[in-house]
Protein backbone atom coordinates (compact mmCIF):
# COMPACT_ATOMS: atom_id res chain seq x y z
CA MET A 1 -14.68 -11.37 5.34
CA ASN A 2 -12.26 -8.79 6.77
CA PHE A 3 -8.67 -9.48 5.80
CA HIS A 4 -7.38 -6.36 7.59
CA LYS A 5 -7.83 -7.35 11.21
CA GLU A 6 -6.92 -10.24 13.51
CA PRO A 7 -5.85 -12.99 12.95
CA HIS A 8 -4.23 -11.66 9.77
CA THR A 9 -0.96 -9.77 9.30
CA PHE A 10 -1.50 -6.70 7.14
CA VAL A 11 -0.20 -3.26 6.21
CA GLY A 12 -1.27 -0.54 8.59
CA GLU A 13 0.40 2.77 7.84
CA VAL A 14 2.60 4.05 4.99
CA SER A 15 5.06 6.93 5.43
CA LEU A 16 6.29 9.05 2.56
CA ILE A 17 9.03 11.64 2.12
CA VAL A 18 7.69 14.63 0.15
CA GLN A 19 9.30 17.75 -1.24
CA ASP A 20 6.67 20.29 -0.19
CA LEU A 21 4.53 19.53 2.85
CA LYS A 22 2.00 22.26 2.14
CA ARG A 23 1.48 21.03 -1.43
CA SER A 24 1.07 17.43 -0.29
CA LEU A 25 -1.29 18.39 2.57
CA SER A 26 -3.57 20.10 0.10
CA PHE A 27 -3.49 17.11 -2.27
CA TYR A 28 -4.15 14.45 0.33
CA LYS A 29 -7.00 16.42 1.94
CA GLU A 30 -8.73 17.93 -1.11
CA VAL A 31 -8.04 15.29 -3.76
CA ILE A 32 -7.81 12.02 -1.87
CA GLY A 33 -10.11 13.03 1.01
CA PHE A 34 -8.04 12.25 4.11
CA LYS A 35 -8.53 13.95 7.46
CA VAL A 36 -5.49 15.29 9.29
CA LEU A 37 -4.79 13.39 12.51
CA GLU A 38 -1.59 15.19 13.55
CA GLN A 39 0.40 18.04 11.97
CA SER A 40 3.67 19.83 12.71
CA GLU A 41 5.84 22.12 10.67
CA LYS A 42 7.47 19.37 8.62
CA ARG A 43 5.20 16.32 9.19
CA ALA A 44 1.54 15.31 8.92
CA THR A 45 -0.41 12.14 9.61
CA PHE A 46 -3.67 11.32 7.89
CA THR A 47 -6.63 9.22 8.88
CA ALA A 48 -10.02 8.19 7.47
CA ASP A 49 -11.81 7.48 10.76
CA GLY A 50 -10.21 10.12 12.95
CA ILE A 51 -8.45 7.52 15.07
CA HIS A 52 -6.19 5.18 13.09
CA PRO A 53 -3.25 6.64 11.06
CA LEU A 54 -3.10 5.39 7.45
CA LEU A 55 -0.56 7.70 5.85
CA SER A 56 2.11 10.05 7.05
CA ILE A 57 4.19 12.53 5.05
CA GLU A 58 7.40 14.22 6.02
CA GLU A 59 9.34 17.07 4.41
CA LEU A 60 13.10 16.88 5.01
CA GLU A 61 15.42 19.91 4.91
CA ASP A 62 16.94 18.89 1.59
CA THR A 63 14.45 16.51 -0.04
CA PHE A 64 15.04 16.10 -3.78
CA PRO A 65 12.76 14.63 -6.45
CA LYS A 66 11.78 10.98 -6.62
CA GLU A 67 14.51 9.07 -8.44
CA PRO A 68 13.69 6.85 -11.42
CA ARG A 69 14.56 3.16 -11.72
CA ARG A 70 14.99 2.63 -7.97
CA THR A 71 13.47 0.21 -5.46
CA GLY A 72 10.78 1.50 -3.15
CA LEU A 73 7.12 2.37 -3.62
CA TYR A 74 5.20 1.38 -6.73
CA HIS A 75 1.93 2.31 -5.04
CA PHE A 76 0.06 2.17 -1.81
CA ALA A 77 -3.57 1.09 -2.06
CA LEU A 78 -6.58 2.43 -0.17
CA LEU A 79 -9.40 -0.12 0.13
CA LEU A 80 -12.91 1.33 0.15
CA PRO A 81 -15.88 -0.48 1.70
CA SER A 82 -18.15 -0.52 -1.42
CA ARG A 83 -18.47 -0.05 -5.16
CA GLU A 84 -20.68 2.96 -4.52
CA ASP A 85 -17.79 4.53 -2.53
CA LEU A 86 -15.47 3.89 -5.48
CA GLY A 87 -18.02 5.59 -7.73
CA LYS A 88 -18.10 8.67 -5.55
CA VAL A 89 -14.29 8.90 -5.55
CA LEU A 90 -14.13 8.36 -9.32
CA SER A 91 -16.72 11.07 -9.99
CA HIS A 92 -14.87 13.46 -7.66
CA LEU A 93 -11.51 12.85 -9.39
CA ILE A 94 -13.03 13.27 -12.86
CA LYS A 95 -14.49 16.64 -11.78
CA LEU A 96 -10.97 17.68 -10.71
CA ASN A 97 -9.60 16.56 -14.07
CA ILE A 98 -7.08 14.28 -12.40
CA GLN A 99 -5.13 12.02 -14.73
CA LEU A 100 -6.22 8.42 -13.93
CA GLY A 101 -5.38 4.83 -14.78
CA SER A 102 -7.81 1.99 -14.07
CA SER A 103 -8.13 -1.77 -14.11
CA ASP A 104 -10.46 -4.64 -13.33
CA HIS A 105 -8.36 -7.22 -11.50
CA LEU A 106 -11.22 -9.78 -11.20
CA VAL A 107 -10.78 -9.81 -7.41
CA SER A 108 -11.14 -5.99 -7.31
CA GLU A 109 -11.84 -2.85 -9.27
CA ALA A 110 -9.17 -0.15 -9.09
CA ILE A 111 -8.29 3.37 -10.14
CA TYR A 112 -4.77 4.75 -10.11
CA LEU A 113 -3.18 8.19 -9.79
CA SER A 114 -0.02 9.84 -8.47
CA ASP A 115 0.60 12.44 -5.75
CA PRO A 116 2.57 15.65 -6.54
CA ASP A 117 5.88 13.83 -5.94
CA GLY A 118 5.05 10.95 -8.27
CA ASN A 119 4.19 8.46 -5.56
CA GLY A 120 1.70 5.94 -6.88
CA ILE A 121 -1.75 5.59 -5.31
CA GLU A 122 -4.39 2.92 -5.93
CA ILE A 123 -7.96 3.37 -4.69
CA TYR A 124 -10.04 0.19 -4.99
CA ARG A 125 -12.90 -1.92 -3.86
CA ASP A 126 -12.86 -5.68 -3.43
CA ARG A 127 -15.33 -8.05 -4.98
CA PRO A 128 -16.68 -10.51 -2.37
CA ALA A 129 -14.09 -13.15 -1.52
CA THR A 130 -16.67 -15.82 -2.49
CA ALA A 131 -16.42 -14.48 -6.08
CA TRP A 132 -12.66 -14.94 -6.36
CA THR A 133 -11.37 -17.88 -8.40
CA TRP A 134 -8.65 -20.03 -6.90
CA HIS A 135 -6.53 -22.63 -8.66
CA GLY A 136 -5.06 -24.53 -5.79
CA ASP A 137 -3.29 -21.92 -3.71
CA GLN A 138 -3.13 -19.35 -6.50
CA VAL A 139 -5.84 -16.72 -6.94
CA GLU A 140 -6.80 -15.63 -10.46
CA MET A 141 -6.13 -11.98 -11.16
CA SER A 142 -6.09 -9.99 -14.40
CA VAL A 143 -5.59 -6.51 -15.84
CA ASP A 144 -8.91 -5.99 -17.67
CA PRO A 145 -10.68 -2.78 -18.68
CA LEU A 146 -12.63 -1.14 -15.90
CA ASP A 147 -16.40 -0.72 -16.13
CA ALA A 148 -16.14 2.95 -15.23
CA ARG A 149 -19.70 3.77 -16.37
CA GLY A 150 -21.10 1.04 -14.18
CA ILE A 151 -19.09 2.24 -11.18
CA LEU A 152 -20.18 5.86 -11.70
CA ALA A 153 -23.83 4.72 -11.95
CA GLU A 154 -23.56 3.16 -8.52
CA ALA A 155 -22.94 6.62 -7.06
CA GLU A 156 -25.29 8.70 -9.22
CA GLY A 157 -26.74 11.51 -7.22
CA GLU A 158 -24.41 10.83 -4.26
CA VAL A 159 -22.13 13.45 -2.80
CA TRP A 160 -18.39 12.88 -2.17
CA ASN A 161 -17.46 13.70 1.40
CA GLY A 162 -13.93 12.37 1.55
CA LEU A 163 -12.78 8.89 2.37
CA PRO A 164 -15.28 6.68 4.19
CA ALA A 165 -14.43 6.11 7.84
CA SER A 166 -13.92 2.38 7.24
CA THR A 167 -11.25 2.89 4.54
CA VAL A 168 -8.13 0.82 5.29
CA MET A 169 -4.65 0.48 3.79
CA GLY A 170 -5.56 -2.45 1.61
CA HIS A 171 -2.04 -3.27 0.40
CA ILE A 172 1.33 -1.91 -0.61
CA HIS A 173 3.11 -2.69 -3.88
CA LEU A 174 6.91 -2.40 -3.93
CA HIS A 175 9.71 -2.20 -6.44
CA VAL A 176 12.38 -4.71 -5.45
CA SER A 177 15.81 -5.54 -6.88
CA ASP A 178 15.60 -9.37 -6.74
CA LEU A 179 12.38 -11.29 -6.66
CA LYS A 180 13.86 -14.50 -5.27
CA ALA A 181 15.47 -12.69 -2.35
CA ALA A 182 12.22 -10.77 -1.76
CA GLU A 183 10.22 -13.98 -1.77
CA GLU A 184 12.51 -15.54 0.87
CA PHE A 185 12.33 -12.44 3.08
CA TYR A 186 8.59 -11.90 2.90
CA GLY A 187 7.81 -15.62 2.88
CA LYS A 188 10.25 -17.39 5.20
CA GLY A 189 10.95 -14.25 7.17
CA LEU A 190 7.65 -12.43 7.52
CA GLY A 191 5.31 -15.38 7.01
CA PHE A 192 3.40 -14.32 3.87
CA ASN A 193 2.16 -16.80 1.32
CA VAL A 194 2.57 -16.33 -2.44
CA VAL A 195 -0.96 -16.25 -3.95
CA SER A 196 -0.19 -15.10 -7.50
CA ARG A 197 2.81 -14.89 -9.86
CA PHE A 198 3.21 -12.85 -13.03
CA GLY A 199 6.04 -14.55 -14.83
CA ASN A 200 9.42 -13.90 -13.23
CA GLN A 201 8.80 -10.20 -12.75
CA ALA A 202 6.09 -9.89 -10.06
CA LEU A 203 4.46 -11.82 -7.23
CA PHE A 204 1.63 -11.15 -4.83
CA ILE A 205 1.60 -12.30 -1.25
CA SER A 206 -0.85 -12.36 1.63
CA THR A 207 -1.95 -13.93 4.91
CA GLY A 208 -5.30 -15.61 5.46
CA GLY A 209 -6.21 -16.10 1.83
CA TYR A 210 -6.43 -12.44 0.79
CA HIS A 211 -5.64 -11.71 -2.86
CA HIS A 212 -2.65 -9.68 -1.71
CA HIS A 213 -1.47 -7.61 1.19
CA ILE A 214 1.86 -6.91 -0.58
CA GLY A 215 2.86 -6.82 -4.23
CA LEU A 216 6.54 -7.18 -5.29
CA ASN A 217 7.96 -6.47 -8.73
CA THR A 218 11.26 -5.94 -10.57
CA TRP A 219 9.76 -3.58 -13.21
CA ASN A 220 12.37 -0.93 -12.35
CA GLY A 221 15.05 -3.45 -13.31
CA VAL A 222 16.67 -6.47 -11.69
CA GLY A 223 19.38 -5.13 -9.39
CA ALA A 224 17.81 -1.70 -9.15
CA PRO A 225 19.51 0.32 -6.43
CA ALA A 226 17.74 1.67 -3.34
CA PRO A 227 16.78 5.34 -3.46
CA SER A 228 19.04 7.94 -1.93
CA GLU A 229 18.21 8.72 1.70
CA ASN A 230 16.67 12.15 1.07
CA SER A 231 14.75 11.51 -2.14
CA ALA A 232 10.95 11.74 -2.26
CA GLY A 233 9.24 8.36 -2.02
CA LEU A 234 8.70 5.59 0.49
CA ASN A 235 10.07 6.28 3.99
CA TRP A 236 8.66 3.15 5.76
CA PHE A 237 5.52 1.15 6.28
CA THR A 238 4.09 -0.83 9.17
CA LEU A 239 2.93 -4.42 9.34
CA HIS A 240 0.30 -5.17 11.99
CA PHE A 241 0.57 -8.52 13.80
CA PRO A 242 -2.36 -10.05 15.61
CA ASN A 243 -0.44 -10.61 18.85
CA GLU A 244 2.94 -10.50 20.58
CA GLU A 245 3.49 -14.20 20.11
CA LYS A 246 3.09 -13.97 16.33
CA ARG A 247 5.39 -10.94 16.13
CA ASN A 248 8.06 -12.66 18.28
CA SER A 249 8.00 -15.81 16.11
CA THR A 250 8.31 -13.60 13.03
CA ILE A 251 11.35 -11.88 14.50
CA HIS A 252 12.87 -15.28 15.12
CA HIS A 253 12.24 -16.27 11.49
CA LEU A 254 13.73 -13.03 10.20
CA LYS A 255 16.90 -13.53 12.28
CA SER A 256 17.15 -17.14 11.02
CA ILE A 257 17.46 -15.90 7.43
CA GLY A 258 19.93 -13.20 8.35
CA ALA A 259 17.62 -10.20 8.20
CA ALA A 260 18.54 -7.16 10.28
CA ILE A 261 16.36 -6.31 13.29
CA GLN A 262 16.57 -3.06 15.23
CA GLU A 263 14.70 -2.70 18.50
CA HIS A 264 14.44 0.68 20.18
CA ASP A 265 11.97 1.97 22.81
CA GLY A 266 9.41 -0.69 21.92
CA THR A 267 9.63 -0.22 18.15
CA ILE A 268 10.89 -3.00 15.96
CA LEU A 269 12.35 -2.23 12.52
CA THR A 270 13.53 -4.54 9.78
CA VAL A 271 14.75 -3.83 6.29
CA ASP A 272 14.02 -5.99 3.22
CA PRO A 273 16.85 -6.98 0.80
CA SER A 274 15.95 -4.03 -1.43
CA GLY A 275 16.20 -1.39 1.30
CA ASN A 276 12.52 -1.01 2.12
CA HIS A 277 12.01 -0.19 5.84
CA ILE A 278 9.28 -2.01 7.76
CA TYR A 279 8.10 -1.49 11.31
CA LEU A 280 6.59 -4.57 12.99
CA SER A 281 3.66 -3.32 15.06
CA LEU A 282 0.74 -4.68 17.08
């Protein structure tokens, strides 16, 4: 089951502000395995299939380091097509001596790392949706130890050649300042359903019964301020809607809860209560 195409609403592209474009270009090509889709002096866009943009990075004139204890990006998550692909990536990162975290979430198996600016990255593979356990409308997830040996065994003898062409932006996980306000915005406004809660500090939301297209947490503190405009970190991300009708109804819902909408030359931008910028795309 593909949760990252019509009729679902899902994250398409993530844009980051970085301090050093050349340094980040090297990292995202050589460590993560992206291909460059477009590049200018201060900006680059990356792809896995040579067609669709998944990540863009931009160096501003006076970018300063990522600020602690702010809202914004916790991590963006690249979804690989298979466990074997995850094994190839894991083997590659081990050879590069990259510092990693890892977890078995029951619905998925994931490894974690950070880019040179401290932006969090998850690379994961999903278990089949038929293997997920649901309790009513809540999916069971956990933070269990990863079977790294088993994953590496899947790719034994295989060669890493960068990200597979069918890699997608699986989800984005955000730091927010107020979970209740975030739930109203992403639920009533954008139309996502809560599928998992972790106490009063985190919730996971999706469309179409996915385990999550977006994660939201207050781990940087309730009331955490938005980052300064020129700090390294999240710039914006896109949400893909299946059709114009769905996007228009979403805009109506956003306006009904008082969310700001900016429309300019065919682009539609909204901002969540914690200052995270979201483009509504088709």
